[in-house]
Amino acid sequence: MKSYEIVVTADTNDADYIVETSVITEEELEKFKPVFDAINKFNTDLGNKWGHNWPMHDRTDETLETIYPDVDPELLSWFDECFVPHSGECGVHTIESIVYYEIPVKTKLV
């Protein structure tokens, strides 16, 4: 099974970006497709009044479940815990990008 690196860039406060890079399997990428699709749809539809697609900061009463009611809450929680960066004084409010790429095969020659 192929392994990938997934890079999630998030905004914590006024364009203070943080990045989390993790290993993810092909199977997990497929499982998280509803999360990716929901974020894309939210961004396309302009989402809530703030435009925040991942409201994990302490200045809102919105939750992932209220913003993404059609996505399994356990899947949202799993993605948040394992792949979304967490730091910053205000917490994450927007996922700016999600990129993945296949981990290259390395061959030691000497």
N, C-alpha and C. Protein backbone atom coordinates (compact mmCIF):
# COMPACT_ATOMS: atom_id res chain seq x y z
N MET A 1 0.85 -1.18 0.00
CA MET A 1 0.00 0.00 0.00
C MET A 1 0.89 1.24 0.00
N LYS A 2 0.51 2.21 -0.80
CA LYS A 2 1.28 3.44 -0.90
C LYS A 2 1.10 4.30 0.34
N SER A 3 2.16 5.01 0.66
CA SER A 3 2.10 5.99 1.75
C SER A 3 2.29 7.38 1.16
N TYR A 4 1.65 8.32 1.80
CA TYR A 4 1.70 9.70 1.34
C TYR A 4 2.05 10.61 2.52
N GLU A 5 2.50 11.80 2.20
CA GLU A 5 2.57 12.84 3.20
C GLU A 5 1.44 13.80 2.90
N ILE A 6 0.75 14.20 3.95
CA ILE A 6 -0.31 15.18 3.81
C ILE A 6 0.13 16.43 4.56
N VAL A 7 -0.01 17.57 3.91
CA VAL A 7 0.41 18.84 4.48
C VAL A 7 -0.83 19.72 4.61
N VAL A 8 -1.17 20.04 5.86
CA VAL A 8 -2.34 20.88 6.14
C VAL A 8 -1.83 22.22 6.65
N THR A 9 -2.22 23.28 5.95
CA THR A 9 -1.88 24.64 6.36
C THR A 9 -3.14 25.29 6.90
N ALA A 10 -3.02 25.87 8.10
CA ALA A 10 -4.18 26.48 8.76
C ALA A 10 -3.85 27.88 9.24
N ASP A 11 -4.90 28.68 9.36
CA ASP A 11 -4.77 30.05 9.85
C ASP A 11 -5.25 30.08 11.30
N THR A 12 -4.42 30.67 12.16
CA THR A 12 -4.80 30.75 13.57
C THR A 12 -5.39 32.11 13.93
N ASN A 13 -4.86 33.17 13.30
CA ASN A 13 -5.35 34.51 13.63
C ASN A 13 -4.69 35.51 12.68
N ASP A 14 -5.49 36.17 11.88
CA ASP A 14 -4.98 37.22 11.00
C ASP A 14 -3.77 36.78 10.17
N ALA A 15 -3.93 35.69 9.47
CA ALA A 15 -2.90 35.16 8.56
C ALA A 15 -1.64 34.71 9.29
N ASP A 16 -1.81 34.19 10.49
CA ASP A 16 -0.72 33.53 11.20
C ASP A 16 -0.84 32.05 10.88
N TYR A 17 -0.10 31.61 9.85
CA TYR A 17 -0.26 30.25 9.36
C TYR A 17 0.63 29.27 10.09
N ILE A 18 0.07 28.09 10.33
CA ILE A 18 0.83 26.99 10.89
C ILE A 18 0.62 25.78 9.98
N VAL A 19 1.58 24.87 10.01
CA VAL A 19 1.57 23.74 9.08
C VAL A 19 1.80 22.45 9.85
N GLU A 20 1.07 21.42 9.47
CA GLU A 20 1.25 20.08 10.02
C GLU A 20 1.49 19.13 8.85
N THR A 21 2.58 18.37 8.92
CA THR A 21 2.89 17.37 7.91
C THR A 21 2.83 16.00 8.58
N SER A 22 2.06 15.09 7.99
CA SER A 22 1.85 13.77 8.58
C SER A 22 1.89 12.72 7.48
N VAL A 23 2.10 11.49 7.89
CA VAL A 23 2.02 10.36 6.96
C VAL A 23 0.58 9.88 6.95
N ILE A 24 0.09 9.56 5.76
CA ILE A 24 -1.29 9.08 5.60
C ILE A 24 -1.29 7.97 4.57
N THR A 25 -2.15 7.00 4.77
CA THR A 25 -2.24 5.89 3.82
C THR A 25 -3.25 6.21 2.71
N GLU A 26 -3.18 5.43 1.68
CA GLU A 26 -4.13 5.57 0.58
C GLU A 26 -5.56 5.31 1.07
N GLU A 27 -5.69 4.34 1.96
CA GLU A 27 -7.00 4.00 2.53
C GLU A 27 -7.56 5.17 3.36
N GLU A 28 -6.70 5.82 4.15
CA GLU A 28 -7.14 6.96 4.94
C GLU A 28 -7.54 8.14 4.05
N LEU A 29 -6.78 8.36 2.99
CA LEU A 29 -7.15 9.43 2.06
C LEU A 29 -8.56 9.22 1.54
N GLU A 30 -8.87 7.99 1.22
CA GLU A 30 -10.21 7.68 0.71
C GLU A 30 -11.27 7.89 1.79
N LYS A 31 -10.95 7.49 3.03
CA LYS A 31 -11.90 7.67 4.14
C LYS A 31 -12.20 9.15 4.40
N PHE A 32 -11.18 10.00 4.26
CA PHE A 32 -11.34 11.42 4.55
C PHE A 32 -11.91 12.22 3.39
N LYS A 33 -12.21 11.57 2.29
CA LYS A 33 -12.78 12.27 1.13
C LYS A 33 -14.01 13.09 1.50
N PRO A 34 -14.93 12.59 2.33
CA PRO A 34 -16.09 13.43 2.71
C PRO A 34 -15.67 14.72 3.44
N VAL A 35 -14.60 14.66 4.21
CA VAL A 35 -14.11 15.87 4.90
C VAL A 35 -13.57 16.85 3.87
N PHE A 36 -12.74 16.37 2.95
CA PHE A 36 -12.18 17.25 1.92
C PHE A 36 -13.28 17.87 1.07
N ASP A 37 -14.25 17.04 0.67
CA ASP A 37 -15.36 17.54 -0.15
C ASP A 37 -16.18 18.59 0.60
N ALA A 38 -16.40 18.36 1.89
CA ALA A 38 -17.19 19.31 2.69
C ALA A 38 -16.46 20.65 2.83
N ILE A 39 -15.15 20.61 3.05
CA ILE A 39 -14.37 21.86 3.14
C ILE A 39 -14.42 22.60 1.81
N ASN A 40 -14.25 21.88 0.71
CA ASN A 40 -14.32 22.51 -0.61
C ASN A 40 -15.69 23.13 -0.86
N LYS A 41 -16.74 22.42 -0.50
CA LYS A 41 -18.09 22.95 -0.69
C LYS A 41 -18.30 24.19 0.18
N PHE A 42 -17.85 24.13 1.43
CA PHE A 42 -17.96 25.27 2.33
C PHE A 42 -17.26 26.48 1.73
N ASN A 43 -16.04 26.28 1.23
CA ASN A 43 -15.28 27.39 0.64
C ASN A 43 -15.98 27.94 -0.60
N THR A 44 -16.56 27.07 -1.40
CA THR A 44 -17.26 27.49 -2.61
C THR A 44 -18.53 28.27 -2.28
N ASP A 45 -19.24 27.81 -1.25
CA ASP A 45 -20.50 28.44 -0.86
C ASP A 45 -20.30 29.66 0.05
N LEU A 46 -19.05 29.95 0.38
CA LEU A 46 -18.65 31.06 1.25
C LEU A 46 -19.00 30.83 2.71
N GLY A 47 -19.47 29.66 3.06
CA GLY A 47 -19.63 29.24 4.44
C GLY A 47 -20.34 30.21 5.35
N ASN A 48 -19.82 30.33 6.56
CA ASN A 48 -20.46 31.19 7.56
C ASN A 48 -20.07 32.65 7.36
N LYS A 49 -20.57 33.51 8.21
CA LYS A 49 -20.33 34.95 8.02
C LYS A 49 -18.87 35.33 8.13
N TRP A 50 -18.07 34.52 8.82
CA TRP A 50 -16.65 34.83 8.98
C TRP A 50 -15.81 34.18 7.88
N GLY A 51 -16.36 33.19 7.20
CA GLY A 51 -15.58 32.48 6.20
C GLY A 51 -14.61 31.48 6.81
N HIS A 52 -14.81 31.16 8.09
CA HIS A 52 -13.94 30.23 8.78
C HIS A 52 -14.45 28.81 8.58
N ASN A 53 -13.63 27.97 7.96
CA ASN A 53 -14.07 26.63 7.63
C ASN A 53 -13.66 25.57 8.65
N TRP A 54 -12.94 25.96 9.71
CA TRP A 54 -12.54 24.99 10.73
C TRP A 54 -12.55 25.68 12.10
N PRO A 55 -13.72 25.92 12.66
CA PRO A 55 -13.87 26.78 13.84
C PRO A 55 -13.43 26.13 15.15
N MET A 56 -12.14 26.02 15.34
CA MET A 56 -11.64 25.41 16.56
C MET A 56 -11.09 26.44 17.54
N HIS A 57 -11.39 27.69 17.30
CA HIS A 57 -10.92 28.74 18.20
C HIS A 57 -11.99 29.04 19.25
N ASP A 58 -11.63 29.83 20.22
CA ASP A 58 -12.53 30.05 21.35
C ASP A 58 -13.46 31.25 21.18
N ARG A 59 -13.52 31.82 19.98
CA ARG A 59 -14.35 33.01 19.77
C ARG A 59 -15.64 32.73 19.01
N THR A 60 -16.05 31.51 18.98
CA THR A 60 -17.26 31.17 18.23
C THR A 60 -18.03 30.06 18.94
N ASP A 61 -19.31 30.02 18.69
CA ASP A 61 -20.10 28.92 19.23
C ASP A 61 -20.31 27.84 18.17
N GLU A 62 -19.73 28.04 16.99
CA GLU A 62 -19.84 27.03 15.93
C GLU A 62 -18.91 25.87 16.23
N THR A 63 -19.31 24.70 15.78
CA THR A 63 -18.48 23.51 15.92
C THR A 63 -18.34 22.86 14.55
N LEU A 64 -17.45 21.91 14.45
CA LEU A 64 -17.31 21.17 13.20
C LEU A 64 -18.61 20.48 12.84
N GLU A 65 -19.31 19.98 13.85
CA GLU A 65 -20.57 19.26 13.61
C GLU A 65 -21.67 20.18 13.10
N THR A 66 -21.69 21.45 13.56
CA THR A 66 -22.74 22.36 13.08
C THR A 66 -22.41 22.88 11.68
N ILE A 67 -21.15 23.02 11.37
CA ILE A 67 -20.76 23.49 10.04
C ILE A 67 -20.84 22.37 9.01
N TYR A 68 -20.51 21.16 9.43
CA TYR A 68 -20.50 20.01 8.52
C TYR A 68 -21.46 18.92 9.04
N PRO A 69 -22.77 19.19 9.05
CA PRO A 69 -23.72 18.24 9.63
C PRO A 69 -23.84 16.93 8.84
N ASP A 70 -23.42 16.93 7.57
CA ASP A 70 -23.55 15.73 6.75
C ASP A 70 -22.31 14.82 6.81
N VAL A 71 -21.31 15.22 7.61
CA VAL A 71 -20.08 14.43 7.73
C VAL A 71 -20.06 13.76 9.10
N ASP A 72 -19.68 12.51 9.12
CA ASP A 72 -19.59 11.75 10.36
C ASP A 72 -18.73 12.50 11.38
N PRO A 73 -19.26 12.83 12.55
CA PRO A 73 -18.51 13.58 13.57
C PRO A 73 -17.21 12.89 14.00
N GLU A 74 -17.22 11.56 14.02
CA GLU A 74 -16.00 10.83 14.38
C GLU A 74 -14.91 11.04 13.34
N LEU A 75 -15.30 11.12 12.08
CA LEU A 75 -14.35 11.37 11.00
C LEU A 75 -13.77 12.78 11.11
N LEU A 76 -14.62 13.75 11.41
CA LEU A 76 -14.15 15.12 11.60
C LEU A 76 -13.17 15.19 12.77
N SER A 77 -13.51 14.54 13.86
CA SER A 77 -12.66 14.55 15.04
C SER A 77 -11.32 13.86 14.76
N TRP A 78 -11.37 12.74 14.08
CA TRP A 78 -10.15 11.99 13.73
C TRP A 78 -9.25 12.85 12.85
N PHE A 79 -9.82 13.49 11.84
CA PHE A 79 -9.01 14.34 10.97
C PHE A 79 -8.41 15.50 11.76
N ASP A 80 -9.22 16.11 12.61
CA ASP A 80 -8.74 17.23 13.41
C ASP A 80 -7.59 16.81 14.33
N GLU A 81 -7.75 15.71 15.01
CA GLU A 81 -6.74 15.26 15.96
C GLU A 81 -5.44 14.81 15.30
N CYS A 82 -5.55 14.18 14.14
CA CYS A 82 -4.37 13.57 13.52
C CYS A 82 -3.67 14.42 12.47
N PHE A 83 -4.39 15.35 11.83
CA PHE A 83 -3.80 16.00 10.67
C PHE A 83 -3.84 17.53 10.68
N VAL A 84 -4.72 18.12 11.47
CA VAL A 84 -4.83 19.58 11.52
C VAL A 84 -3.83 20.12 12.54
N PRO A 85 -3.07 21.16 12.16
CA PRO A 85 -2.12 21.72 13.13
C PRO A 85 -2.84 22.37 14.31
N HIS A 86 -2.24 22.26 15.48
CA HIS A 86 -2.82 22.84 16.69
C HIS A 86 -1.76 23.63 17.43
N SER A 87 -1.91 24.91 17.41
CA SER A 87 -1.09 25.81 18.22
C SER A 87 -1.59 27.21 17.97
N GLY A 88 -0.94 28.15 18.57
CA GLY A 88 -1.39 29.51 18.43
C GLY A 88 -2.32 29.88 19.55
N GLU A 89 -2.30 31.12 19.91
CA GLU A 89 -3.08 31.57 21.06
C GLU A 89 -4.58 31.54 20.83
N CYS A 90 -5.02 31.66 19.58
CA CYS A 90 -6.46 31.70 19.30
C CYS A 90 -7.00 30.39 18.76
N GLY A 91 -6.16 29.45 18.44
CA GLY A 91 -6.60 28.21 17.84
C GLY A 91 -6.82 28.38 16.34
N VAL A 92 -7.07 27.31 15.66
CA VAL A 92 -7.26 27.31 14.21
C VAL A 92 -8.69 27.73 13.89
N HIS A 93 -8.83 28.58 12.86
CA HIS A 93 -10.18 28.91 12.41
C HIS A 93 -10.40 28.60 10.93
N THR A 94 -9.32 28.43 10.18
CA THR A 94 -9.47 28.17 8.75
C THR A 94 -8.38 27.23 8.26
N ILE A 95 -8.78 26.21 7.52
CA ILE A 95 -7.81 25.39 6.80
C ILE A 95 -7.61 26.06 5.45
N GLU A 96 -6.41 26.52 5.22
CA GLU A 96 -6.08 27.22 3.98
C GLU A 96 -5.80 26.27 2.84
N SER A 97 -5.13 25.16 3.13
CA SER A 97 -4.84 24.20 2.07
C SER A 97 -4.56 22.82 2.64
N ILE A 98 -4.85 21.84 1.81
CA ILE A 98 -4.52 20.45 2.11
C ILE A 98 -3.88 19.89 0.84
N VAL A 99 -2.65 19.44 0.98
CA VAL A 99 -1.90 18.91 -0.15
C VAL A 99 -1.35 17.55 0.26
N TYR A 100 -1.36 16.61 -0.66
CA TYR A 100 -0.70 15.34 -0.36
C TYR A 100 0.13 14.93 -1.56
N TYR A 101 1.15 14.13 -1.27
CA TYR A 101 2.01 13.62 -2.33
C TYR A 101 2.59 12.29 -1.88
N GLU A 102 2.89 11.46 -2.86
CA GLU A 102 3.44 10.15 -2.56
C GLU A 102 4.84 10.29 -1.98
N ILE A 103 5.10 9.51 -0.94
CA ILE A 103 6.42 9.51 -0.36
C ILE A 103 7.35 8.77 -1.31
N PRO A 104 8.44 9.41 -1.72
CA PRO A 104 9.32 8.74 -2.68
C PRO A 104 10.03 7.54 -2.05
N VAL A 105 10.30 6.59 -2.89
CA VAL A 105 11.04 5.41 -2.45
C VAL A 105 12.52 5.76 -2.45
N LYS A 106 13.16 5.49 -1.34
CA LYS A 106 14.60 5.77 -1.24
C LYS A 106 15.36 4.46 -1.28
N THR A 107 16.44 4.44 -2.04
CA THR A 107 17.28 3.27 -2.13
C THR A 107 18.67 3.67 -1.66
N LYS A 108 19.13 3.02 -0.63
CA LYS A 108 20.47 3.29 -0.12
C LYS A 108 21.47 2.56 -0.99
N LEU A 109 22.41 3.28 -1.54
CA LEU A 109 23.40 2.70 -2.43
C LEU A 109 24.70 2.33 -1.70
N VAL A 110 25.02 3.07 -0.69
CA VAL A 110 26.26 2.79 0.05
C VAL A 110 25.96 2.87 1.53
